[in-house]
Amino acid sequence: MMTKWDINVIVEEYADTITRICYSYGKNYDDTQDIMQNVFLKLMRANPEFDSKEHEKAWIIRVTINECKDFLKNIFRRHTSLEEAQEIPIEEKEDLSYIREAVLKLPDKYKSVIYLFYYEGYTAVEIAGILHKKENTVYTWMNRARQMLKDMVGGDVE
């Protein structure tokens, strides 16, 4: 059993992850900040005990995804301009913004698996647990997302 978490450490550690997840759902900066606040409030209210850092991270990601979906349900239509999406700082060694733009265009279920696999480093089995889906469903979504990305940007996406 892990020791009790500290909210300041959690905020410092996961703010960037939450921001990126929210942007993958097409939010603007202000919406992202609101959702981030809700995630941290839920954490403080639920006061969960985590078995490991992986459990902690999975909980944060799952709650963030749920908050994003809830937010989208509560508005009629919301569009984020590509200019707003470009404002999010992402450390890249080369210009891969065209791939980021293509990922942002994917349907939500495909965005989620691509984000969790490539950006957060989760395996398909772990993603299945986080998203409460079957492992084969995750593999199917990843293959479809890769094909869509390949069609959008050309070349290999692996």
Protein backbone atom coordinates (compact mmCIF):
# COMPACT_ATOMS: atom_id res chain seq x y z
CA MET A 1 0.00 0.00 0.00
CA MET A 2 1.32 3.42 -0.95
CA THR A 3 1.62 6.20 1.58
CA LYS A 4 -1.01 8.94 1.58
CA TRP A 5 -0.82 11.32 -1.36
CA ASP A 6 -0.15 15.07 -1.15
CA ILE A 7 -2.42 17.28 -3.29
CA ASN A 8 0.42 19.70 -4.10
CA VAL A 9 2.56 16.86 -5.43
CA ILE A 10 -0.37 15.43 -7.40
CA VAL A 11 -1.13 18.82 -8.99
CA GLU A 12 2.51 19.33 -9.93
CA GLU A 13 2.83 15.81 -11.33
CA TYR A 14 -0.41 15.53 -13.32
CA ALA A 15 -1.39 19.05 -14.43
CA ASP A 16 0.34 18.64 -17.81
CA THR A 17 -1.22 15.19 -18.38
CA ILE A 18 -4.70 16.50 -17.60
CA THR A 19 -4.18 19.49 -19.89
CA ARG A 20 -3.12 17.28 -22.78
CA ILE A 21 -6.05 14.90 -22.30
CA CYS A 22 -8.50 17.81 -22.22
CA TYR A 23 -7.03 19.28 -25.39
CA SER A 24 -7.34 15.90 -27.08
CA TYR A 25 -11.08 16.28 -26.52
CA GLY A 26 -11.02 19.66 -28.28
CA LYS A 27 -11.36 22.12 -25.41
CA ASN A 28 -10.04 25.61 -25.15
CA TYR A 29 -7.65 26.71 -22.41
CA ASP A 30 -10.34 28.00 -20.05
CA ASP A 31 -12.37 24.78 -20.30
CA THR A 32 -9.21 22.79 -19.64
CA GLN A 33 -8.55 24.75 -16.46
CA ASP A 34 -12.14 24.19 -15.27
CA ILE A 35 -11.93 20.47 -15.90
CA MET A 36 -8.54 20.26 -14.18
CA GLN A 37 -10.01 21.95 -11.12
CA ASN A 38 -12.91 19.47 -11.11
CA VAL A 39 -10.51 16.51 -11.30
CA PHE A 40 -8.53 17.74 -8.31
CA LEU A 41 -11.71 18.50 -6.35
CA LYS A 42 -12.95 14.96 -7.02
CA LEU A 43 -9.62 13.63 -5.80
CA MET A 44 -9.84 15.60 -2.57
CA ARG A 45 -13.48 14.63 -1.99
CA ALA A 46 -13.02 10.94 -2.81
CA ASN A 47 -9.77 10.76 -0.84
CA PRO A 48 -8.84 7.41 -2.43
CA GLU A 49 -6.02 5.17 -1.28
CA PHE A 50 -3.84 4.11 -4.19
CA ASP A 51 -2.00 0.80 -4.34
CA SER A 52 0.78 2.21 -6.53
CA LYS A 53 1.84 5.18 -8.67
CA GLU A 54 0.33 3.37 -11.67
CA HIS A 55 -3.02 3.09 -9.84
CA GLU A 56 -2.84 6.78 -8.94
CA LYS A 57 -2.09 7.81 -12.54
CA ALA A 58 -4.81 5.55 -13.95
CA TRP A 59 -7.34 7.05 -11.51
CA ILE A 60 -6.38 10.62 -12.52
CA ILE A 61 -6.61 9.77 -16.24
CA ARG A 62 -9.95 7.94 -15.91
CA VAL A 63 -11.51 10.82 -13.93
CA THR A 64 -10.12 13.35 -16.45
CA ILE A 65 -11.60 11.46 -19.39
CA ASN A 66 -14.95 11.20 -17.60
CA GLU A 67 -14.91 14.91 -16.79
CA CYS A 68 -14.17 15.74 -20.43
CA LYS A 69 -17.06 13.57 -21.60
CA ASP A 70 -19.39 15.12 -19.02
CA PHE A 71 -18.35 18.59 -20.13
CA LEU A 72 -19.10 17.75 -23.76
CA LYS A 73 -22.53 16.42 -22.80
CA ASN A 74 -23.38 19.71 -21.11
CA ILE A 75 -22.75 22.03 -24.04
CA PHE A 76 -24.55 22.09 -27.35
CA ARG A 77 -21.62 22.73 -29.65
CA ARG A 78 -18.11 23.76 -28.88
CA HIS A 79 -15.20 24.13 -31.29
CA THR A 80 -11.58 24.82 -30.50
CA SER A 81 -9.62 26.55 -33.16
CA LEU A 82 -6.39 25.01 -34.34
CA GLU A 83 -4.69 28.18 -33.14
CA GLU A 84 -5.86 27.50 -29.56
CA ALA A 85 -4.65 23.91 -29.74
CA GLN A 86 -1.25 25.11 -30.92
CA GLU A 87 -0.85 27.20 -27.73
CA ILE A 88 -0.32 24.07 -25.59
CA PRO A 89 3.42 23.61 -25.13
CA ILE A 90 4.64 20.17 -26.07
CA GLU A 91 8.31 19.34 -25.89
CA GLU A 92 9.32 17.87 -29.23
CA LYS A 93 12.76 17.26 -30.67
CA GLU A 94 11.52 17.78 -34.20
CA ASP A 95 8.48 19.42 -35.70
CA LEU A 96 5.76 16.81 -35.28
CA SER A 97 2.89 19.28 -35.08
CA TYR A 98 1.30 17.75 -38.17
CA ILE A 99 0.95 14.44 -36.28
CA ARG A 100 -0.53 16.22 -33.26
CA GLU A 101 -3.01 17.96 -35.56
CA ALA A 102 -3.97 14.62 -37.11
CA VAL A 103 -4.44 13.01 -33.67
CA LEU A 104 -6.73 15.89 -32.65
CA LYS A 105 -8.92 15.11 -35.66
CA LEU A 106 -9.47 11.48 -34.63
CA PRO A 107 -12.78 10.40 -33.07
CA ASP A 108 -12.64 10.53 -29.25
CA LYS A 109 -12.29 6.79 -28.66
CA TYR A 110 -9.30 6.64 -31.01
CA LYS A 111 -7.73 9.79 -29.55
CA SER A 112 -7.89 8.25 -26.09
CA VAL A 113 -6.10 5.03 -26.97
CA ILE A 114 -3.44 6.83 -29.04
CA TYR A 115 -2.82 9.31 -26.24
CA LEU A 116 -2.59 6.66 -23.53
CA PHE A 117 -0.38 4.37 -25.63
CA TYR A 118 2.05 6.82 -27.24
CA TYR A 119 2.08 9.78 -24.85
CA GLU A 120 1.58 8.07 -21.48
CA GLY A 121 3.27 4.76 -22.31
CA TYR A 122 0.47 2.41 -21.24
CA THR A 123 0.15 -1.06 -22.75
CA ALA A 124 -3.05 -2.17 -24.46
CA VAL A 125 -3.92 -4.31 -21.44
CA GLU A 126 -3.52 -1.31 -19.11
CA ILE A 127 -5.55 0.91 -21.46
CA ALA A 128 -8.33 -1.67 -21.47
CA GLY A 129 -8.44 -1.45 -17.68
CA ILE A 130 -8.42 2.36 -17.64
CA LEU A 131 -11.17 2.65 -20.26
CA HIS A 132 -13.16 -0.32 -18.97
CA LYS A 133 -13.06 -1.97 -22.40
CA LYS A 134 -12.02 -5.40 -23.62
CA GLU A 135 -8.38 -5.79 -24.57
CA ASN A 136 -9.32 -6.77 -28.15
CA THR A 137 -11.41 -3.61 -28.44
CA VAL A 138 -8.36 -1.53 -27.53
CA TYR A 139 -6.23 -3.34 -30.12
CA THR A 140 -8.93 -2.77 -32.76
CA TRP A 141 -9.20 0.94 -31.91
CA MET A 142 -5.42 1.32 -32.00
CA ASN A 143 -5.20 -0.35 -35.42
CA ARG A 144 -8.03 1.77 -36.80
CA ALA A 145 -6.49 4.94 -35.35
CA ARG A 146 -3.09 4.10 -36.85
CA GLN A 147 -4.69 3.50 -40.24
CA MET A 148 -6.58 6.79 -40.03
CA LEU A 149 -3.38 8.62 -39.06
CA LYS A 150 -1.48 6.93 -41.88
CA ASP A 151 -4.16 8.06 -44.32
CA MET A 152 -4.04 11.61 -42.94
CA VAL A 153 -0.27 12.13 -42.75
CA GLY A 154 1.11 9.37 -44.99
CA GLY A 155 3.92 7.00 -44.14
CA ASP A 156 4.18 4.56 -41.24
CA VAL A 157 2.62 5.21 -37.87
CA GLU A 158 3.97 2.69 -35.36
